[in-house]
Amino acid sequence: MDEVLLAERLIAYDTSRRSGLSQATDFVAGWLEARGAHVDPVETGGRRSLMARVGSGPTRIIFNGHLDVVPGHEEQFSPRIDGGRLYGRGAYDMKAALGAMMLAVADLAQGGLEGAELQLMVVPDEERSEPGENCTQMMVRDGLRADFVVCGEPTDMLVGVQAKGVLMMRVDVPGTAAHGATPWLGDSAILRAVDMFRRIEGLPFAAESAPLFERPSINLGRIAGGDAVNKVPDHCRMDVDVRYLPGQHPEQVLAQVRSLDPAARVEVLLERPPADVPPDHPVVQALLDAAGRYEPSTTSVGRDGASDAVAFLEVGVPAVEFGPRGGGPPGAGEHAVVLNPPRFPGALVRFPPAGARVPAHRAEAGTA
């Protein structure tokens, strides 16, 4: 089964739903076991992940992939190829990458991996936005360690050595009720909330930059207010997603947001620190060399989105993002580029043997 057929099979599962996740997890486990990998299911927080293992040696490398996707329309789970592009929900983030990682594990299970153990970690909840730990965070907290981790997030064959931090906030804005016929007697909480969001975009932290990033990202993801069309709303709730830069501090961002309206209540829903790995790290260079066989211009870059790499970085394990070419937002235009010969799987197969030749400095469980 080549990378395109495998990615199509994965896309066909609606893994925004629990039932689709269960079916896809069963398929991945069976596929890997049939090709020589040792596969262990891992239950954390009532959710099932997989750890597939090939090879043995003092160096441990983890490929981290996730099956879940943000919700889509039914037709998006029917993959199609058009103009050298594979379209479908999760094609770019990150089922094409996961399929390639599975192929690399199957290839290395047949030999060619000396001095290293390669583990493929398949989790069901990387896209989680609710409070609490996801499966990767729980497994790392329970002692999972490695010498190097590659997360298959979309990077267009570049190596993501930095990623923005995540600060998701819930903001409750008060107002003054009045009849809809006399709105001037009230103070609309919805209008106050929208005005507050616009002022968040103009705060000092929003104008800062970093070597790999032009600016932070700020998104108004949800807003709700009012209970009758003929009434001035006296309450509005908005959920704001801020992706802050390496070097910025979430406490300072929060303080600036709270200073805009002392009457508003600001609650943190989710906070994850930025990712940052030195571009000259020897294992990063080994990955760059492996990718450079297929993409001569391969460089280290910063990524706007967050990933499970952060869970490893927090305990001293170097982790980067590396994924295939593609594009499109999470919608009908999301796609992975179909290349022949397959470049991304080839780089993944070349990397673990090269990484095994770098002296191991694995973080111990419980150290940061």
Protein backbone atom coordinates (compact mmCIF):
# COMPACT_ATOMS: atom_id res chain seq x y z
CA MET A 1 0.00 0.00 0.00
CA ASP A 2 1.59 3.31 -1.04
CA GLU A 3 1.36 6.59 0.85
CA VAL A 4 -1.58 7.91 -1.20
CA LEU A 5 -3.76 4.82 -0.71
CA LEU A 6 -2.93 4.77 3.00
CA ALA A 7 -3.75 8.46 3.41
CA GLU A 8 -7.04 7.97 1.54
CA ARG A 9 -7.95 5.13 3.88
CA LEU A 10 -7.24 7.28 6.94
CA ILE A 11 -9.17 10.29 5.58
CA ALA A 12 -12.25 8.11 5.02
CA TYR A 13 -12.66 7.71 8.79
CA ASP A 14 -14.53 10.63 10.35
CA THR A 15 -12.15 11.01 13.25
CA SER A 16 -13.86 14.11 14.57
CA ARG A 17 -16.23 11.56 16.14
CA ARG A 18 -15.51 8.93 18.80
CA SER A 19 -16.80 6.09 16.60
CA GLY A 20 -14.54 7.09 13.71
CA LEU A 21 -11.55 7.40 16.02
CA SER A 22 -12.13 3.88 17.36
CA GLN A 23 -12.36 2.40 13.86
CA ALA A 24 -9.29 4.26 12.62
CA THR A 25 -7.26 3.24 15.68
CA ASP A 26 -8.17 -0.44 15.09
CA PHE A 27 -7.10 -0.13 11.45
CA VAL A 28 -3.74 1.49 12.28
CA ALA A 29 -2.96 -1.13 14.95
CA GLY A 30 -3.78 -4.03 12.64
CA TRP A 31 -1.88 -2.54 9.70
CA LEU A 32 1.29 -2.01 11.74
CA GLU A 33 1.18 -5.41 13.43
CA ALA A 34 0.82 -7.12 10.05
CA ARG A 35 4.07 -5.44 8.95
CA GLY A 36 6.24 -6.46 11.85
CA ALA A 37 5.79 -3.68 14.42
CA HIS A 38 5.09 -4.43 18.07
CA VAL A 39 1.97 -2.43 18.96
CA ASP A 40 0.73 -1.64 22.46
CA PRO A 41 -2.59 0.13 23.20
CA VAL A 42 -2.34 2.81 25.91
CA GLU A 43 -5.39 3.99 27.86
CA THR A 44 -5.11 7.50 29.30
CA GLY A 45 -8.00 9.65 30.47
CA GLY A 46 -10.51 7.21 28.98
CA ARG A 47 -8.96 7.59 25.52
CA ARG A 48 -6.96 5.01 23.53
CA SER A 49 -3.59 5.70 21.95
CA LEU A 50 -1.10 3.38 20.24
CA MET A 51 2.64 2.89 20.70
CA ALA A 52 4.24 0.93 17.86
CA ARG A 53 7.89 -0.12 18.18
CA VAL A 54 10.59 -1.37 15.81
CA GLY A 55 14.35 -1.76 16.25
CA SER A 56 16.42 -1.70 19.41
CA GLY A 57 19.37 0.24 20.73
CA PRO A 58 20.43 2.98 23.15
CA THR A 59 18.82 5.79 21.13
CA ARG A 60 15.05 6.22 21.18
CA ILE A 61 13.31 8.28 18.49
CA ILE A 62 9.56 8.92 18.57
CA PHE A 63 7.35 9.80 15.61
CA ASN A 64 4.28 11.53 17.04
CA GLY A 65 1.06 11.55 15.01
CA HIS A 66 -2.59 12.25 15.72
CA LEU A 67 -5.72 10.74 14.17
CA ASP A 68 -8.25 13.37 15.25
CA VAL A 69 -9.38 16.22 13.04
CA VAL A 70 -11.56 19.26 13.64
CA PRO A 71 -15.16 18.62 12.49
CA GLY A 72 -15.94 18.74 8.79
CA HIS A 73 -18.78 18.15 6.35
CA GLU A 74 -19.68 14.60 5.34
CA GLU A 75 -18.30 14.98 1.81
CA GLN A 76 -14.88 15.96 3.17
CA PHE A 77 -14.38 12.39 4.38
CA SER A 78 -14.55 11.11 0.80
CA PRO A 79 -10.96 11.66 -0.40
CA ARG A 80 -10.25 12.63 -3.99
CA ILE A 81 -7.17 13.37 -6.08
CA ASP A 82 -7.17 16.32 -8.46
CA GLY A 83 -4.19 17.95 -10.14
CA GLY A 84 -1.59 16.15 -8.07
CA ARG A 85 -3.32 17.01 -4.81
CA LEU A 86 -5.07 14.73 -2.33
CA TYR A 87 -8.16 16.49 -0.95
CA GLY A 88 -10.00 15.51 2.21
CA ARG A 89 -10.52 16.37 5.85
CA GLY A 90 -7.21 15.97 7.62
CA ALA A 91 -5.17 15.43 4.46
CA TYR A 92 -2.71 18.16 5.47
CA ASP A 93 -3.22 18.02 9.24
CA MET A 94 -2.14 15.31 9.50
CA LYS A 95 -3.31 12.04 7.95
CA ALA A 96 -0.92 12.14 4.98
CA ALA A 97 1.94 12.57 7.47
CA LEU A 98 0.62 9.81 9.72
CA GLY A 99 0.34 7.46 6.74
CA ALA A 100 3.93 8.26 5.78
CA MET A 101 5.08 7.59 9.35
CA MET A 102 3.32 4.23 9.26
CA LEU A 103 5.08 3.37 6.00
CA ALA A 104 8.46 4.39 7.47
CA VAL A 105 7.91 2.15 10.50
CA ALA A 106 6.93 -0.77 8.24
CA ASP A 107 10.01 -0.19 6.05
CA LEU A 108 12.41 0.00 9.02
CA ALA A 109 10.82 -3.09 10.59
CA GLN A 110 12.38 -5.04 7.71
CA GLY A 111 15.90 -3.89 8.65
CA GLY A 112 18.27 -0.97 8.27
CA LEU A 113 17.73 0.43 11.76
CA GLU A 114 20.73 -0.23 14.00
CA GLY A 115 21.50 1.33 17.35
CA ALA A 116 18.06 2.88 17.78
CA GLU A 117 14.52 2.10 18.76
CA LEU A 118 11.83 3.86 16.72
CA GLN A 119 8.42 4.35 18.27
CA LEU A 120 5.34 5.59 16.45
CA MET A 121 2.97 7.29 18.87
CA VAL A 122 -0.60 7.63 17.56
CA VAL A 123 -2.93 9.76 19.71
CA PRO A 124 -6.64 10.66 19.38
CA ASP A 125 -6.79 14.18 20.83
CA GLU A 126 -4.07 16.58 19.66
CA GLU A 127 -6.75 18.97 18.39
CA ARG A 128 -8.27 19.13 21.89
CA SER A 129 -9.24 22.66 23.00
CA GLU A 130 -10.99 21.81 26.27
CA PRO A 131 -9.29 22.29 29.65
CA GLY A 132 -7.17 19.41 30.87
CA GLU A 133 -4.33 17.25 29.55
CA ASN A 134 -4.41 15.38 26.26
CA CYS A 135 -3.01 11.87 25.83
CA THR A 136 0.51 12.95 24.89
CA GLN A 137 0.74 15.18 27.94
CA MET A 138 -0.49 12.39 30.22
CA MET A 139 1.96 9.84 28.82
CA VAL A 140 4.87 12.26 29.17
CA ARG A 141 3.76 13.02 32.75
CA ASP A 142 3.74 9.27 33.41
CA GLY A 143 7.38 8.96 32.28
CA LEU A 144 7.50 8.65 28.48
CA ARG A 145 10.89 9.93 27.27
CA ALA A 146 12.99 9.86 24.11
CA ASP A 147 16.19 11.29 22.69
CA PHE A 148 14.30 13.09 19.92
CA VAL A 149 10.69 13.50 18.80
CA VAL A 150 9.29 14.33 15.36
CA CYS A 151 5.67 15.54 15.25
CA GLY A 152 4.17 15.14 11.78
CA GLU A 153 2.45 18.53 11.70
CA PRO A 154 2.23 20.32 8.32
CA THR A 155 5.48 22.13 7.50
CA ASP A 156 5.91 21.67 3.71
CA MET A 157 9.06 19.55 4.21
CA LEU A 158 10.65 22.22 6.42
CA VAL A 159 11.69 21.53 10.02
CA GLY A 160 9.72 23.53 12.57
CA VAL A 161 12.06 24.37 15.46
CA GLN A 162 9.80 27.01 17.01
CA ALA A 163 6.05 27.30 17.53
CA LYS A 164 3.88 29.92 19.16
CA GLY A 165 2.44 29.41 22.61
CA VAL A 166 -1.30 28.99 23.17
CA LEU A 167 -3.44 31.13 25.46
CA MET A 168 -7.18 30.48 25.11
CA MET A 169 -9.31 32.87 27.15
CA ARG A 170 -12.99 33.11 28.02
CA VAL A 171 -14.08 36.71 28.47
CA ASP A 172 -17.43 37.54 30.14
CA VAL A 173 -18.45 41.12 29.39
CA PRO A 174 -21.32 42.79 31.32
CA GLY A 175 -23.81 45.31 29.93
CA THR A 176 -27.00 47.10 30.92
CA ALA A 177 -30.36 45.74 29.81
CA ALA A 178 -33.02 47.87 28.15
CA HIS A 179 -35.95 47.38 25.80
CA GLY A 180 -35.05 46.93 22.16
CA ALA A 181 -37.21 49.94 21.27
CA THR A 182 -35.02 52.22 23.42
CA PRO A 183 -31.48 50.89 23.09
CA TRP A 184 -30.01 54.23 24.13
CA LEU A 185 -31.22 53.50 27.66
CA GLY A 186 -28.99 50.42 27.89
CA ASP A 187 -25.43 49.36 27.18
CA SER A 188 -25.10 46.40 24.81
CA ALA A 189 -22.75 43.74 26.20
CA ILE A 190 -22.28 42.36 22.67
CA LEU A 191 -21.08 45.68 21.32
CA ARG A 192 -18.82 46.13 24.35
CA ALA A 193 -17.34 42.67 23.75
CA VAL A 194 -16.66 43.34 20.07
CA ASP A 195 -15.05 46.66 20.99
CA MET A 196 -12.93 44.90 23.62
CA PHE A 197 -11.76 42.32 21.08
CA ARG A 198 -10.71 45.07 18.67
CA ARG A 199 -8.73 46.70 21.48
CA ILE A 200 -7.07 43.35 22.28
CA GLU A 201 -5.74 43.39 18.71
CA GLY A 202 -4.16 46.77 19.45
CA LEU A 203 -2.45 45.85 22.73
CA PRO A 204 1.35 46.17 23.00
CA PHE A 205 1.98 42.39 22.93
CA ALA A 206 0.14 42.15 19.59
CA ALA A 207 2.64 44.50 17.91
CA GLU A 208 5.75 42.55 18.94
CA SER A 209 7.72 40.24 16.65
CA ALA A 210 10.36 37.51 16.89
CA PRO A 211 13.10 36.28 14.53
CA LEU A 212 10.85 33.55 13.05
CA PHE A 213 7.48 35.28 13.51
CA GLU A 214 6.08 38.57 12.28
CA ARG A 215 3.52 38.88 15.09
CA PRO A 216 1.28 36.92 17.48
CA SER A 217 -2.04 35.47 16.28
CA ILE A 218 -5.35 36.59 17.78
CA ASN A 219 -8.69 34.97 16.89
CA LEU A 220 -12.25 35.49 18.12
CA GLY A 221 -13.38 31.86 18.00
CA ARG A 222 -16.82 32.05 19.65
CA ILE A 223 -19.16 34.77 20.83
CA ALA A 224 -22.61 34.52 22.42
CA GLY A 225 -24.88 37.05 24.08
CA GLY A 226 -28.46 38.16 24.49
CA ASP A 227 -31.61 36.18 25.20
CA ALA A 228 -34.23 38.10 23.17
CA VAL A 229 -34.16 40.06 19.93
CA ASN A 230 -36.17 42.92 21.48
CA LYS A 231 -33.83 43.40 24.43
CA VAL A 232 -30.45 45.10 24.85
CA PRO A 233 -28.18 42.24 26.03
CA ASP A 234 -26.71 42.59 29.50
CA HIS A 235 -24.16 39.77 29.11
CA CYS A 236 -21.83 38.52 26.37
CA ARG A 237 -19.25 35.73 26.41
CA MET A 238 -16.44 35.45 23.90
CA ASP A 239 -13.67 32.86 23.58
CA VAL A 240 -10.41 34.34 22.32
CA ASP A 241 -7.48 32.29 21.03
CA VAL A 242 -4.09 34.03 21.35
CA ARG A 243 -0.95 32.41 19.95
CA TYR A 244 1.89 34.28 21.61
CA LEU A 245 5.54 34.42 20.62
CA PRO A 246 8.60 32.70 22.09
CA GLY A 247 9.95 35.21 24.61
CA GLN A 248 6.51 36.54 25.53
CA HIS A 249 4.85 35.58 28.81
CA PRO A 250 1.17 34.60 29.15
CA GLU A 251 0.87 36.46 32.47
CA GLN A 252 1.79 39.71 30.73
CA VAL A 253 -0.68 39.04 27.92
CA LEU A 254 -3.42 38.36 30.47
CA ALA A 255 -2.60 41.52 32.42
CA GLN A 256 -2.88 43.62 29.26
CA VAL A 257 -6.22 42.04 28.32
CA ARG A 258 -7.66 42.50 31.82
CA SER A 259 -6.63 46.15 31.87
CA LEU A 260 -9.03 46.93 28.99
CA ASP A 261 -12.24 46.51 31.02
CA PRO A 262 -12.04 45.96 34.79
CA ALA A 263 -15.71 44.91 34.77
CA ALA A 264 -15.03 42.02 32.39
CA ARG A 265 -14.04 38.63 33.80
CA VAL A 266 -11.17 36.87 31.98
CA GLU A 267 -10.68 33.13 32.54
CA VAL A 268 -7.90 30.97 31.07
CA LEU A 269 -9.27 27.94 29.23
CA LEU A 270 -5.99 26.50 27.96
CA GLU A 271 -2.34 27.56 28.14
CA ARG A 272 0.58 25.85 26.43
CA PRO A 273 4.09 27.33 26.21
CA PRO A 274 5.92 28.02 22.95
CA ALA A 275 8.17 25.40 21.37
CA ASP A 276 11.84 26.19 20.88
CA VAL A 277 14.67 23.87 19.80
CA PRO A 278 18.12 25.17 18.72
CA PRO A 279 18.39 24.90 14.92
CA ASP A 280 21.98 23.68 15.30
CA HIS A 281 21.02 20.74 17.54
CA PRO A 282 22.85 17.71 16.05
CA VAL A 283 19.68 15.61 15.69
CA VAL A 284 17.90 18.56 14.02
CA GLN A 285 20.80 18.66 11.59
CA ALA A 286 20.43 14.91 10.98
CA LEU A 287 16.75 15.44 10.13
CA LEU A 288 17.62 18.39 7.89
CA ASP A 289 20.18 16.24 6.08
CA ALA A 290 17.64 13.44 5.56
CA ALA A 291 15.05 15.89 4.22
CA GLY A 292 17.68 17.67 2.14
CA ARG A 293 18.06 14.59 -0.02
CA TYR A 294 14.60 15.43 -1.40
CA GLU A 295 14.25 19.19 -0.79
CA PRO A 296 17.61 20.98 -1.25
CA SER A 297 16.27 24.24 0.20
CA THR A 298 15.12 22.64 3.47
CA THR A 299 15.51 25.05 6.41
CA SER A 300 14.39 25.47 9.99
CA VAL A 301 11.24 27.55 10.43
CA GLY A 302 8.74 28.79 13.01
CA ARG A 303 5.19 27.40 13.12
CA ASP A 304 2.08 29.41 13.94
CA GLY A 305 0.19 26.44 15.36
CA ALA A 306 0.94 24.46 18.51
CA SER A 307 1.54 20.71 18.68
CA ASP A 308 2.31 17.86 21.05
CA ALA A 309 6.00 18.73 20.70
CA VAL A 310 5.55 21.11 23.65
CA ALA A 311 4.77 18.25 26.07
CA PHE A 312 8.21 16.76 25.37
CA LEU A 313 10.04 20.09 25.38
CA GLU A 314 8.70 20.83 28.85
CA VAL A 315 10.64 17.84 30.22
CA GLY A 316 13.85 18.47 28.31
CA VAL A 317 13.25 16.24 25.26
CA PRO A 318 14.04 17.99 21.95
CA ALA A 319 11.01 17.85 19.64
CA VAL A 320 10.33 19.40 16.24
CA GLU A 321 7.57 19.46 13.65
CA PHE A 322 8.12 17.98 10.20
CA GLY A 323 5.41 17.26 7.66
CA PRO A 324 4.71 16.88 3.93
CA ARG A 325 3.77 19.50 1.39
CA GLY A 326 0.18 20.67 1.22
CA GLY A 327 -2.07 23.57 2.09
CA GLY A 328 -5.53 24.90 2.62
CA PRO A 329 -7.44 25.74 5.78
CA PRO A 330 -9.43 23.01 7.57
CA GLY A 331 -12.14 23.00 4.93
CA ALA A 332 -12.91 21.83 1.42
CA GLY A 333 -9.56 23.11 0.12
CA GLU A 334 -7.38 21.19 2.56
CA HIS A 335 -4.95 19.02 0.64
CA ALA A 336 -1.65 17.19 0.66
CA VAL A 337 0.54 17.28 -2.43
CA VAL A 338 1.00 13.89 -4.12
CA LEU A 339 4.64 13.59 -5.14
CA ASN A 340 6.38 10.89 -7.15
CA PRO A 341 8.85 9.75 -5.97
CA PRO A 342 7.46 10.09 -2.42
CA ARG A 343 9.71 12.60 -0.67
CA PHE A 344 8.33 12.82 2.85
CA PRO A 345 8.23 9.04 3.56
CA GLY A 346 11.73 8.76 2.09
CA ALA A 347 13.08 11.39 4.47
CA LEU A 348 11.42 9.65 7.43
CA VAL A 349 13.07 6.34 6.54
CA ARG A 350 16.51 7.96 6.20
CA PHE A 351 16.33 9.94 9.43
CA PRO A 352 16.28 7.35 12.32
CA PRO A 353 19.54 5.60 11.29
CA ALA A 354 21.23 9.02 11.02
CA GLY A 355 19.77 10.13 14.36
CA ALA A 356 21.04 6.97 16.00
CA ARG A 357 24.63 8.04 15.23
CA VAL A 358 24.23 11.19 17.35
CA PRO A 359 25.25 10.71 21.03
CA ALA A 360 22.12 10.20 23.14
CA HIS A 361 21.30 12.60 25.99
CA ARG A 362 17.89 11.42 27.08
CA ALA A 363 16.05 13.39 29.75
CA GLU A 364 15.15 11.35 32.80
CA ALA A 365 11.53 11.00 33.89
CA GLY A 366 10.58 13.82 36.20
CA THR A 367 13.27 16.26 35.02
CA ALA A 368 12.70 19.45 33.09
